[in-house]
Amino acid sequence: DNCTSPNSRPSVNQIERHPFMPQWDVFEYCVNRDIAIQAHSPLGQGSTTLLEHPAIKSIALETGITPAQVLLAWNIHQGVAVVTKCSSESHMEENMSIFDRRCSGLAPKHMETLDEIRCDLEKRGGEGRFVNPPFMYKKGAVYSWGDYIPPRP
């Protein structure tokens, strides 16, 4: 069975990924092993904390795109596929428009600013995870993220 072979590896790793939670260690691990990364919740489940972050809003204003498009372009620019929830046809069209020329390339200064958001969040003692299923905090379980369920940002 290839799934249990010690030589098998996943083709895709789906992780929560956005500037509040870039998961650089997982990103590097996957890139070094040719494992594709797929970002779920790249918009922080629609959280205003992420979508209205001052740096994200500033980049959106400067580039003429929406904060959601900034967040999607950040992942796409790094070779990370994204999975978004679309609550309406207009949201779907907005998400798909990141492949237009004006959305496709954030400037290096924009990418650096977005990359630094996590550092600023950590300095303030913040947690960047929006998806906190209780079953992932089971004491003693091998799949556990720990015993403490952090509050949403």
N, C-alpha and C. Protein backbone atom coordinates (compact mmCIF):
# COMPACT_ATOMS: atom_id res chain seq x y z
N ASP A 1 0.84 -1.18 0.00
CA ASP A 1 0.00 0.00 0.00
C ASP A 1 0.89 1.24 0.00
N ASN A 2 0.79 2.06 -1.03
CA ASN A 2 1.63 3.24 -1.16
C ASN A 2 1.39 4.27 -0.07
N CYS A 3 0.20 4.30 0.49
CA CYS A 3 -0.11 5.31 1.51
C CYS A 3 0.64 5.07 2.82
N THR A 4 0.99 3.85 3.10
CA THR A 4 1.68 3.55 4.35
C THR A 4 3.16 3.29 4.15
N SER A 5 3.63 3.37 2.93
CA SER A 5 5.04 3.15 2.64
C SER A 5 5.88 4.28 3.23
N PRO A 6 7.04 3.94 3.82
CA PRO A 6 7.89 5.00 4.37
C PRO A 6 8.45 5.91 3.27
N ASN A 7 8.38 5.49 2.04
CA ASN A 7 8.90 6.29 0.93
C ASN A 7 7.83 7.18 0.29
N SER A 8 6.59 7.07 0.74
CA SER A 8 5.53 7.89 0.14
C SER A 8 5.49 9.26 0.80
N ARG A 9 5.02 10.22 0.07
CA ARG A 9 4.86 11.57 0.61
C ARG A 9 3.62 12.18 -0.03
N PRO A 10 3.04 13.14 0.62
CA PRO A 10 1.85 13.77 0.04
C PRO A 10 2.22 14.60 -1.19
N SER A 11 1.26 14.78 -2.06
CA SER A 11 1.45 15.64 -3.23
C SER A 11 1.11 17.09 -2.87
N VAL A 12 0.13 17.25 -1.97
CA VAL A 12 -0.35 18.57 -1.58
C VAL A 12 -0.52 18.62 -0.07
N ASN A 13 -0.14 19.73 0.52
CA ASN A 13 -0.37 19.95 1.94
C ASN A 13 -1.25 21.19 2.05
N GLN A 14 -2.47 21.02 2.57
CA GLN A 14 -3.39 22.13 2.73
C GLN A 14 -3.26 22.67 4.14
N ILE A 15 -2.88 23.96 4.25
CA ILE A 15 -2.66 24.58 5.55
C ILE A 15 -3.35 25.93 5.61
N GLU A 16 -3.66 26.36 6.83
CA GLU A 16 -4.15 27.72 7.00
C GLU A 16 -2.96 28.65 6.73
N ARG A 17 -3.15 29.58 5.79
CA ARG A 17 -2.02 30.44 5.43
C ARG A 17 -2.49 31.81 4.97
N HIS A 18 -1.98 32.82 5.64
CA HIS A 18 -2.23 34.23 5.35
C HIS A 18 -1.15 34.99 6.11
N PRO A 19 -1.02 36.31 5.93
CA PRO A 19 0.06 37.02 6.61
C PRO A 19 0.07 36.92 8.14
N PHE A 20 -1.06 36.67 8.76
CA PHE A 20 -1.07 36.46 10.21
C PHE A 20 -0.50 35.09 10.57
N MET A 21 -0.54 34.16 9.64
CA MET A 21 -0.10 32.79 9.89
C MET A 21 0.58 32.23 8.63
N PRO A 22 1.76 32.73 8.29
CA PRO A 22 2.42 32.31 7.05
C PRO A 22 2.98 30.89 7.10
N GLN A 23 3.20 30.36 8.28
CA GLN A 23 3.72 29.01 8.45
C GLN A 23 4.98 28.78 7.62
N TRP A 24 5.96 29.67 7.79
CA TRP A 24 7.19 29.59 7.00
C TRP A 24 7.91 28.26 7.16
N ASP A 25 7.87 27.65 8.34
CA ASP A 25 8.54 26.36 8.52
C ASP A 25 7.90 25.27 7.67
N VAL A 26 6.58 25.24 7.63
CA VAL A 26 5.86 24.27 6.81
C VAL A 26 6.08 24.58 5.33
N PHE A 27 6.05 25.87 4.99
CA PHE A 27 6.28 26.32 3.62
C PHE A 27 7.64 25.81 3.12
N GLU A 28 8.69 26.07 3.91
CA GLU A 28 10.04 25.66 3.52
C GLU A 28 10.15 24.13 3.42
N TYR A 29 9.56 23.43 4.38
CA TYR A 29 9.59 21.96 4.37
C TYR A 29 8.98 21.44 3.06
N CYS A 30 7.81 21.95 2.72
CA CYS A 30 7.12 21.48 1.52
C CYS A 30 7.86 21.85 0.24
N VAL A 31 8.34 23.08 0.16
CA VAL A 31 9.08 23.52 -1.03
C VAL A 31 10.32 22.64 -1.25
N ASN A 32 11.02 22.34 -0.18
CA ASN A 32 12.24 21.52 -0.29
C ASN A 32 11.96 20.07 -0.66
N ARG A 33 10.72 19.64 -0.56
CA ARG A 33 10.36 18.25 -0.87
C ARG A 33 9.39 18.16 -2.04
N ASP A 34 9.24 19.25 -2.78
CA ASP A 34 8.35 19.29 -3.94
C ASP A 34 6.91 18.90 -3.59
N ILE A 35 6.45 19.37 -2.45
CA ILE A 35 5.07 19.16 -2.03
C ILE A 35 4.34 20.48 -2.26
N ALA A 36 3.29 20.45 -3.05
CA ALA A 36 2.52 21.66 -3.31
C ALA A 36 1.81 22.10 -2.04
N ILE A 37 1.66 23.40 -1.89
CA ILE A 37 0.95 23.96 -0.74
C ILE A 37 -0.34 24.59 -1.24
N GLN A 38 -1.40 24.31 -0.50
CA GLN A 38 -2.70 24.90 -0.80
C GLN A 38 -3.17 25.62 0.46
N ALA A 39 -3.42 26.92 0.34
CA ALA A 39 -3.84 27.72 1.49
C ALA A 39 -5.35 27.66 1.66
N HIS A 40 -5.77 27.19 2.83
CA HIS A 40 -7.20 27.32 3.15
C HIS A 40 -7.32 28.50 4.09
N SER A 41 -8.45 29.13 4.09
CA SER A 41 -8.72 30.33 4.88
C SER A 41 -7.71 31.45 4.60
N PRO A 42 -7.36 31.68 3.33
CA PRO A 42 -6.38 32.75 3.03
C PRO A 42 -6.92 34.14 3.33
N LEU A 43 -8.22 34.24 3.56
CA LEU A 43 -8.82 35.53 3.92
C LEU A 43 -9.19 35.56 5.41
N GLY A 44 -8.64 34.61 6.19
CA GLY A 44 -8.92 34.59 7.62
C GLY A 44 -10.37 34.39 7.94
N GLN A 45 -11.04 33.58 7.12
CA GLN A 45 -12.48 33.32 7.26
C GLN A 45 -13.28 34.62 7.25
N GLY A 46 -12.80 35.59 6.47
CA GLY A 46 -13.50 36.85 6.32
C GLY A 46 -13.34 37.80 7.50
N SER A 47 -12.39 37.52 8.37
CA SER A 47 -12.19 38.32 9.57
C SER A 47 -11.81 39.76 9.22
N THR A 48 -12.49 40.70 9.85
CA THR A 48 -12.13 42.11 9.65
C THR A 48 -10.76 42.40 10.25
N THR A 49 -10.35 41.62 11.24
CA THR A 49 -9.03 41.80 11.84
C THR A 49 -7.95 41.68 10.77
N LEU A 50 -8.12 40.75 9.85
CA LEU A 50 -7.16 40.56 8.77
C LEU A 50 -7.46 41.48 7.60
N LEU A 51 -8.69 41.47 7.13
CA LEU A 51 -9.05 42.26 5.95
C LEU A 51 -8.94 43.76 6.16
N GLU A 52 -9.04 44.21 7.41
CA GLU A 52 -8.94 45.64 7.69
C GLU A 52 -7.64 46.01 8.40
N HIS A 53 -6.66 45.10 8.35
CA HIS A 53 -5.36 45.41 8.93
C HIS A 53 -4.80 46.63 8.20
N PRO A 54 -4.25 47.60 8.91
CA PRO A 54 -3.77 48.83 8.27
C PRO A 54 -2.78 48.61 7.11
N ALA A 55 -1.86 47.68 7.25
CA ALA A 55 -0.88 47.44 6.18
C ALA A 55 -1.57 46.87 4.95
N ILE A 56 -2.51 45.97 5.15
CA ILE A 56 -3.22 45.35 4.03
C ILE A 56 -4.10 46.38 3.32
N LYS A 57 -4.79 47.19 4.11
CA LYS A 57 -5.63 48.24 3.52
C LYS A 57 -4.78 49.26 2.76
N SER A 58 -3.62 49.59 3.29
CA SER A 58 -2.73 50.55 2.64
C SER A 58 -2.25 50.02 1.28
N ILE A 59 -1.86 48.75 1.24
CA ILE A 59 -1.41 48.13 -0.02
C ILE A 59 -2.56 48.09 -1.01
N ALA A 60 -3.75 47.75 -0.53
CA ALA A 60 -4.92 47.70 -1.41
C ALA A 60 -5.18 49.08 -2.02
N LEU A 61 -5.11 50.11 -1.21
CA LEU A 61 -5.33 51.47 -1.68
C LEU A 61 -4.27 51.88 -2.70
N GLU A 62 -3.02 51.56 -2.39
CA GLU A 62 -1.90 51.93 -3.27
C GLU A 62 -1.95 51.21 -4.62
N THR A 63 -2.41 49.95 -4.61
CA THR A 63 -2.41 49.14 -5.84
C THR A 63 -3.74 49.17 -6.58
N GLY A 64 -4.77 49.69 -5.96
CA GLY A 64 -6.07 49.76 -6.61
C GLY A 64 -6.82 48.44 -6.64
N ILE A 65 -6.48 47.55 -5.71
CA ILE A 65 -7.19 46.27 -5.60
C ILE A 65 -7.78 46.17 -4.20
N THR A 66 -8.61 45.17 -3.96
CA THR A 66 -9.25 45.03 -2.66
C THR A 66 -8.32 44.34 -1.67
N PRO A 67 -8.57 44.48 -0.36
CA PRO A 67 -7.77 43.76 0.63
C PRO A 67 -7.79 42.24 0.39
N ALA A 68 -8.93 41.70 0.01
CA ALA A 68 -9.01 40.26 -0.27
C ALA A 68 -8.08 39.89 -1.43
N GLN A 69 -8.06 40.71 -2.47
CA GLN A 69 -7.18 40.44 -3.60
C GLN A 69 -5.71 40.55 -3.20
N VAL A 70 -5.38 41.47 -2.30
CA VAL A 70 -4.01 41.57 -1.80
C VAL A 70 -3.61 40.27 -1.13
N LEU A 71 -4.48 39.74 -0.27
CA LEU A 71 -4.18 38.51 0.46
C LEU A 71 -4.04 37.30 -0.47
N LEU A 72 -4.91 37.21 -1.45
CA LEU A 72 -4.82 36.10 -2.41
C LEU A 72 -3.56 36.23 -3.26
N ALA A 73 -3.27 37.44 -3.72
CA ALA A 73 -2.08 37.66 -4.55
C ALA A 73 -0.81 37.34 -3.77
N TRP A 74 -0.79 37.63 -2.47
CA TRP A 74 0.38 37.33 -1.63
C TRP A 74 0.70 35.83 -1.68
N ASN A 75 -0.32 35.00 -1.54
CA ASN A 75 -0.10 33.55 -1.62
C ASN A 75 0.27 33.11 -3.03
N ILE A 76 -0.47 33.56 -4.01
CA ILE A 76 -0.23 33.16 -5.40
C ILE A 76 1.18 33.55 -5.83
N HIS A 77 1.62 34.75 -5.44
CA HIS A 77 2.96 35.23 -5.80
C HIS A 77 4.05 34.30 -5.26
N GLN A 78 3.75 33.60 -4.17
CA GLN A 78 4.71 32.68 -3.56
C GLN A 78 4.53 31.24 -4.05
N GLY A 79 3.68 31.05 -5.05
CA GLY A 79 3.47 29.73 -5.60
C GLY A 79 2.52 28.86 -4.79
N VAL A 80 1.72 29.48 -3.94
CA VAL A 80 0.78 28.75 -3.09
C VAL A 80 -0.62 28.86 -3.69
N ALA A 81 -1.23 27.71 -3.93
CA ALA A 81 -2.61 27.68 -4.41
C ALA A 81 -3.53 28.12 -3.27
N VAL A 82 -4.66 28.68 -3.61
CA VAL A 82 -5.59 29.15 -2.58
C VAL A 82 -6.97 28.52 -2.76
N VAL A 83 -7.63 28.32 -1.63
CA VAL A 83 -9.02 27.85 -1.62
C VAL A 83 -9.80 28.89 -0.84
N THR A 84 -10.77 29.51 -1.49
CA THR A 84 -11.56 30.52 -0.81
C THR A 84 -13.03 30.13 -0.81
N LYS A 85 -13.72 30.63 0.17
CA LYS A 85 -15.16 30.49 0.21
C LYS A 85 -15.74 31.72 -0.46
N CYS A 86 -16.67 31.52 -1.35
CA CYS A 86 -17.32 32.65 -2.03
C CYS A 86 -18.79 32.68 -1.61
N SER A 87 -19.17 33.74 -0.94
CA SER A 87 -20.55 33.84 -0.48
C SER A 87 -21.49 34.41 -1.53
N SER A 88 -20.91 34.90 -2.63
CA SER A 88 -21.74 35.45 -3.70
C SER A 88 -20.97 35.37 -5.01
N GLU A 89 -21.69 35.54 -6.10
CA GLU A 89 -21.05 35.53 -7.41
C GLU A 89 -20.07 36.69 -7.54
N SER A 90 -20.40 37.83 -6.97
CA SER A 90 -19.49 38.98 -7.05
C SER A 90 -18.19 38.71 -6.30
N HIS A 91 -18.26 38.00 -5.16
CA HIS A 91 -17.04 37.63 -4.44
C HIS A 91 -16.21 36.65 -5.27
N MET A 92 -16.88 35.72 -5.94
CA MET A 92 -16.16 34.77 -6.79
C MET A 92 -15.44 35.51 -7.91
N GLU A 93 -16.12 36.45 -8.54
CA GLU A 93 -15.50 37.23 -9.61
C GLU A 93 -14.33 38.06 -9.09
N GLU A 94 -14.49 38.64 -7.90
CA GLU A 94 -13.40 39.41 -7.30
C GLU A 94 -12.19 38.51 -7.04
N ASN A 95 -12.44 37.33 -6.48
CA ASN A 95 -11.35 36.39 -6.20
C ASN A 95 -10.65 35.96 -7.49
N MET A 96 -11.42 35.66 -8.51
CA MET A 96 -10.83 35.19 -9.77
C MET A 96 -10.06 36.30 -10.49
N SER A 97 -10.41 37.55 -10.23
CA SER A 97 -9.75 38.64 -10.93
C SER A 97 -8.30 38.84 -10.49
N ILE A 98 -7.85 38.11 -9.48
CA ILE A 98 -6.43 38.24 -9.08
C ILE A 98 -5.51 37.79 -10.20
N PHE A 99 -6.06 37.09 -11.17
CA PHE A 99 -5.23 36.65 -12.29
C PHE A 99 -5.16 37.70 -13.38
N ASP A 100 -5.86 38.83 -13.19
CA ASP A 100 -5.73 39.97 -14.10
C ASP A 100 -4.34 40.57 -13.92
N ARG A 101 -3.88 41.26 -14.91
CA ARG A 101 -2.54 41.86 -14.88
C ARG A 101 -2.33 42.77 -13.67
N ARG A 102 -3.31 43.59 -13.31
CA ARG A 102 -3.10 44.56 -12.23
C ARG A 102 -2.99 43.91 -10.86
N CYS A 103 -3.52 42.70 -10.71
CA CYS A 103 -3.47 42.03 -9.40
C CYS A 103 -2.31 41.04 -9.30
N SER A 104 -1.76 40.64 -10.43
CA SER A 104 -0.85 39.51 -10.43
C SER A 104 0.50 39.78 -9.78
N GLY A 105 0.94 41.01 -9.77
CA GLY A 105 2.27 41.24 -9.23
C GLY A 105 2.31 42.33 -8.19
N LEU A 106 2.28 41.95 -6.94
CA LEU A 106 2.52 42.93 -5.89
C LEU A 106 4.00 43.28 -5.96
N ALA A 107 4.33 44.51 -5.70
CA ALA A 107 5.73 44.96 -5.72
C ALA A 107 6.48 44.30 -4.56
N PRO A 108 7.80 44.13 -4.70
CA PRO A 108 8.58 43.54 -3.61
C PRO A 108 8.36 44.24 -2.26
N LYS A 109 8.20 45.57 -2.28
CA LYS A 109 7.97 46.28 -1.01
C LYS A 109 6.65 45.86 -0.38
N HIS A 110 5.64 45.56 -1.21
CA HIS A 110 4.36 45.09 -0.68
C HIS A 110 4.50 43.71 -0.07
N MET A 111 5.23 42.84 -0.77
CA MET A 111 5.43 41.48 -0.25
C MET A 111 6.18 41.53 1.09
N GLU A 112 7.19 42.37 1.18
CA GLU A 112 7.95 42.51 2.43
C GLU A 112 7.06 43.01 3.56
N THR A 113 6.23 43.99 3.27
CA THR A 113 5.31 44.52 4.28
C THR A 113 4.36 43.42 4.77
N LEU A 114 3.82 42.64 3.85
CA LEU A 114 2.91 41.55 4.22
C LEU A 114 3.65 40.48 5.01
N ASP A 115 4.89 40.19 4.62
CA ASP A 115 5.68 39.19 5.33
C ASP A 115 5.98 39.61 6.77
N GLU A 116 6.07 40.91 7.02
CA GLU A 116 6.40 41.43 8.35
C GLU A 116 5.21 41.48 9.30
N ILE A 117 4.01 41.32 8.79
CA ILE A 117 2.81 41.40 9.64
C ILE A 117 2.87 40.37 10.76
N ARG A 118 3.29 39.16 10.46
CA ARG A 118 3.36 38.10 11.48
C ARG A 118 4.32 38.49 12.60
N CYS A 119 5.47 39.07 12.23
CA CYS A 119 6.44 39.49 13.25
C CYS A 119 5.83 40.53 14.18
N ASP A 120 5.11 41.49 13.61
CA ASP A 120 4.46 42.51 14.42
C ASP A 120 3.41 41.89 15.34
N LEU A 121 2.66 40.92 14.83
CA LEU A 121 1.64 40.25 15.62
C LEU A 121 2.28 39.50 16.79
N GLU A 122 3.40 38.81 16.52
CA GLU A 122 4.09 38.06 17.59
C GLU A 122 4.64 39.00 18.66
N LYS A 123 5.14 40.17 18.27
CA LYS A 123 5.67 41.13 19.23
C LYS A 123 4.58 41.58 20.20
N ARG A 124 3.34 41.64 19.72
CA ARG A 124 2.21 42.04 20.57
C ARG A 124 1.59 40.85 21.30
N GLY A 125 2.19 39.66 21.13
CA GLY A 125 1.68 38.46 21.80
C GLY A 125 0.44 37.89 21.16
N GLY A 126 0.21 38.21 19.90
CA GLY A 126 -0.99 37.74 19.21
C GLY A 126 -0.83 36.38 18.58
N GLU A 127 -1.94 35.73 18.36
CA GLU A 127 -2.01 34.43 17.70
C GLU A 127 -2.67 34.66 16.36
N GLY A 128 -2.14 34.06 15.31
CA GLY A 128 -2.65 34.31 13.98
C GLY A 128 -3.61 33.30 13.42
N ARG A 129 -3.92 32.27 14.18
CA ARG A 129 -4.78 31.20 13.67
C ARG A 129 -6.25 31.58 13.76
N PHE A 130 -6.98 31.41 12.65
CA PHE A 130 -8.42 31.64 12.64
C PHE A 130 -9.19 30.34 12.76
N VAL A 131 -8.59 29.24 12.36
CA VAL A 131 -9.23 27.94 12.41
C VAL A 131 -8.69 27.20 13.63
N ASN A 132 -9.52 27.06 14.65
CA ASN A 132 -9.13 26.43 15.91
C ASN A 132 -10.12 25.33 16.29
N PRO A 133 -10.12 24.22 15.56
CA PRO A 133 -11.08 23.17 15.92
C PRO A 133 -10.71 22.54 17.27
N PRO A 134 -11.67 22.42 18.18
CA PRO A 134 -11.39 21.89 19.52
C PRO A 134 -10.73 20.51 19.51
N PHE A 135 -11.03 19.68 18.51
CA PHE A 135 -10.45 18.33 18.49
C PHE A 135 -8.93 18.35 18.29
N MET A 136 -8.37 19.48 17.86
CA MET A 136 -6.92 19.56 17.68
C MET A 136 -6.20 19.91 18.98
N TYR A 137 -6.95 20.08 20.06
CA TYR A 137 -6.36 20.42 21.36
C TYR A 137 -6.74 19.34 22.37
N LYS A 138 -6.37 18.12 22.06
CA LYS A 138 -6.70 16.99 22.92
C LYS A 138 -5.42 16.55 23.63
N LYS A 139 -5.41 16.66 24.93
CA LYS A 139 -4.23 16.34 25.72
C LYS A 139 -3.73 14.93 25.44
N GLY A 140 -2.45 14.83 25.08
CA GLY A 140 -1.81 13.55 24.87
C GLY A 140 -1.99 12.95 23.48
N ALA A 141 -2.83 13.53 22.63
CA ALA A 141 -3.05 12.99 21.29
C ALA A 141 -1.85 13.33 20.40
N VAL A 142 -1.46 12.40 19.52
CA VAL A 142 -0.31 12.62 18.64
C VAL A 142 -0.54 13.75 17.64
N TYR A 143 -1.79 14.03 17.32
CA TYR A 143 -2.10 15.07 16.34
C TYR A 143 -2.38 16.42 17.00
N SER A 144 -2.24 16.51 18.31
CA SER A 144 -2.64 17.69 19.06
C SER A 144 -1.72 18.88 18.81
N TRP A 145 -2.33 20.08 18.79
CA TRP A 145 -1.56 21.33 18.70
C TRP A 145 -1.17 21.83 20.08
N GLY A 146 -1.61 21.15 21.11
CA GLY A 146 -1.32 21.56 22.48
C GLY A 146 -2.57 21.51 23.33
N ASP A 147 -2.42 21.96 24.56
CA ASP A 147 -3.53 21.90 25.51
C ASP A 147 -4.33 23.19 25.56
N TYR A 148 -3.78 24.27 25.05
CA TYR A 148 -4.40 25.59 25.16
C TYR A 148 -5.04 25.98 23.83
N ILE A 149 -6.32 26.30 23.85
CA ILE A 149 -6.99 26.79 22.64
C ILE A 149 -6.90 28.31 22.65
N PRO A 150 -6.08 28.88 21.74
CA PRO A 150 -5.94 30.34 21.73
C PRO A 150 -7.18 31.02 21.19
N PRO A 151 -7.42 32.25 21.64
CA PRO A 151 -8.56 32.99 21.09
C PRO A 151 -8.28 33.39 19.65
N ARG A 152 -9.33 33.60 18.88
CA ARG A 152 -9.17 34.05 17.49
C ARG A 152 -8.64 35.48 17.49
N PRO A 153 -7.83 35.81 16.46
CA PRO A 153 -7.30 37.19 16.38
C PRO A 153 -8.40 38.21 16.19
